[in-house]
Protein backbone atom coordinates (compact mmCIF):
# COMPACT_ATOMS: atom_id res chain seq x y z
CA MET A 1 86.61 102.05 106.13
CA LEU A 2 90.12 102.45 107.56
CA PHE A 3 91.97 105.74 108.02
CA ALA A 4 95.74 105.11 107.84
CA SER A 5 97.77 108.03 109.20
CA GLN A 6 100.50 109.30 106.90
CA SER A 7 102.28 111.16 109.73
CA PRO A 8 105.84 110.16 110.60
CA PRO A 9 106.30 108.08 113.75
CA ILE A 10 106.20 109.86 117.11
CA ASP A 11 109.63 109.86 118.77
CA GLY A 12 110.88 107.96 115.74
CA LYS A 13 109.18 104.69 116.67
CA TYR A 14 105.46 104.99 117.53
CA TYR A 15 103.02 105.20 114.64
CA GLN A 16 99.51 106.65 114.92
CA LYS A 17 96.90 103.92 115.33
CA PRO A 18 94.58 103.62 112.30
CA ALA A 19 90.96 104.60 112.83
CA VAL A 20 87.99 102.53 111.67
CA ALA A 21 84.54 103.69 110.61
CA TYR A 22 81.61 101.48 109.68
CA VAL A 23 79.72 102.75 106.65
CA ASP A 24 75.93 102.52 106.41
CA ALA A 25 74.18 101.08 103.36
CA ASP A 26 73.60 104.61 102.04
CA GLY A 27 77.35 105.33 102.11
CA THR A 28 77.44 107.53 105.21
CA PHE A 29 79.28 107.11 108.47
CA GLU A 30 78.82 108.89 111.76
CA SER A 31 82.28 108.75 113.32
CA ALA A 32 85.60 106.94 113.39
CA THR A 33 87.27 105.10 116.25
CA SER A 34 91.01 104.74 116.84
CA HIS A 35 91.32 103.98 120.58
CA LYS A 36 87.97 104.61 122.28
CA TYR A 37 84.53 104.45 120.65
CA LYS A 38 83.91 107.56 118.49
CA ASP A 39 87.18 109.26 119.45
CA GLY A 40 87.87 110.23 115.83
CA ILE A 41 91.02 110.20 113.74
CA ALA A 42 94.43 111.65 114.56
CA VAL A 43 95.39 115.09 113.28
CA GLY A 44 97.11 115.06 109.91
CA LYS A 45 96.79 113.36 106.56
CA HIS A 46 95.33 109.90 106.14
CA LYS A 47 94.98 107.46 103.28
CA ILE A 48 91.57 105.84 103.29
CA LEU A 49 90.99 102.17 102.60
CA ILE A 50 87.51 100.91 101.81
CA SER A 51 86.20 97.45 101.10
CA ALA A 52 82.59 96.53 100.39
CA SER A 53 81.08 93.35 99.01
CA ASP A 54 77.67 91.83 98.42
CA ALA A 55 76.37 88.61 100.00
CA GLN A 56 78.19 86.52 97.35
CA GLY A 57 81.53 88.20 98.06
CA LYS A 58 81.63 90.25 94.87
CA LEU A 59 83.18 93.69 95.28
CA LEU A 60 80.85 96.68 95.26
CA ILE A 61 83.75 99.09 94.78
CA PRO A 62 87.02 98.65 92.87
CA SER A 63 89.73 96.75 94.74
CA GLU A 64 92.19 99.67 94.37
CA TYR A 65 90.38 101.37 97.28
CA GLY A 66 91.29 98.50 99.61
CA ASN A 67 95.06 98.74 99.15
CA ILE A 68 97.28 101.34 100.87
CA ASP A 69 99.52 101.56 97.79
CA THR A 70 96.72 102.11 95.26
CA THR A 71 93.92 103.95 97.05
CA PRO A 72 93.38 107.38 95.51
CA LEU A 73 91.60 108.56 98.66
CA GLU A 74 93.51 110.85 101.00
CA ILE A 75 92.14 113.42 103.44
CA ASP A 76 93.46 115.90 105.95
CA ALA A 77 91.68 115.60 109.31
CA GLU A 78 91.70 119.40 109.64
CA GLU A 79 89.41 119.66 106.57
CA SER A 80 86.47 117.89 108.22
CA PRO A 81 83.73 117.33 107.28
CA PHE A 82 84.69 115.78 103.97
CA GLU A 83 83.02 113.95 101.12
CA LEU A 84 84.56 110.99 99.34
CA LYS A 85 83.73 110.03 95.78
CA ILE A 86 84.30 106.44 94.75
CA ARG A 87 83.91 105.13 91.24
CA LYS A 88 81.76 102.08 90.64
CA PRO A 89 83.56 98.93 89.53
CA THR A 90 83.25 97.98 85.90
CA ALA A 91 81.27 94.85 85.05
CA GLU A 92 84.58 93.06 84.39
CA GLU A 93 85.97 94.05 87.81
CA ARG A 94 82.82 92.81 89.57
CA LYS A 95 82.85 89.56 87.64
CA ASN A 96 86.52 88.74 88.22
CA THR A 97 87.09 89.95 91.77
CA LYS A 98 86.05 88.46 95.08
CA VAL A 99 86.89 89.72 98.53
CA GLU A 100 89.72 87.60 99.90
CA LYS A 101 90.06 89.05 103.40
CA SER A 102 88.99 91.96 105.53
CA LEU A 103 90.98 95.18 105.75
CA TYR A 104 90.92 94.87 109.50
C-alpha cells in the first residue's frame, strides 16, 4: 500500500515522499514508512494505492486501486486511525487482469 501525499510542494519544488505500508493477509497493517522505519505518513491528505495478487499473478482487488488517477481511496492523516473499504474484483476483472509491475 502506498500513501501519495496530495500536498503542494514545499518551497515550490520539494514534494512529500510517499509512505509505504505492507498489508497482512487479513488486510491489516501496523504502520507506514516514508523515511525511517515506522515513521508514519506526512500530515495532510493522501491518495492510497493498493495492489494485491495471488501466486498466479491474478489481481485480488480491482486494478483501479493501483492507479493514482483512478483510486477512490483518499484519507487525511489527521483522521487516524482510519478504515478502508475495497470492493472485490468481479470474476471478469480477475480473469482478464494480471499484475504487470509493482507500485513501488
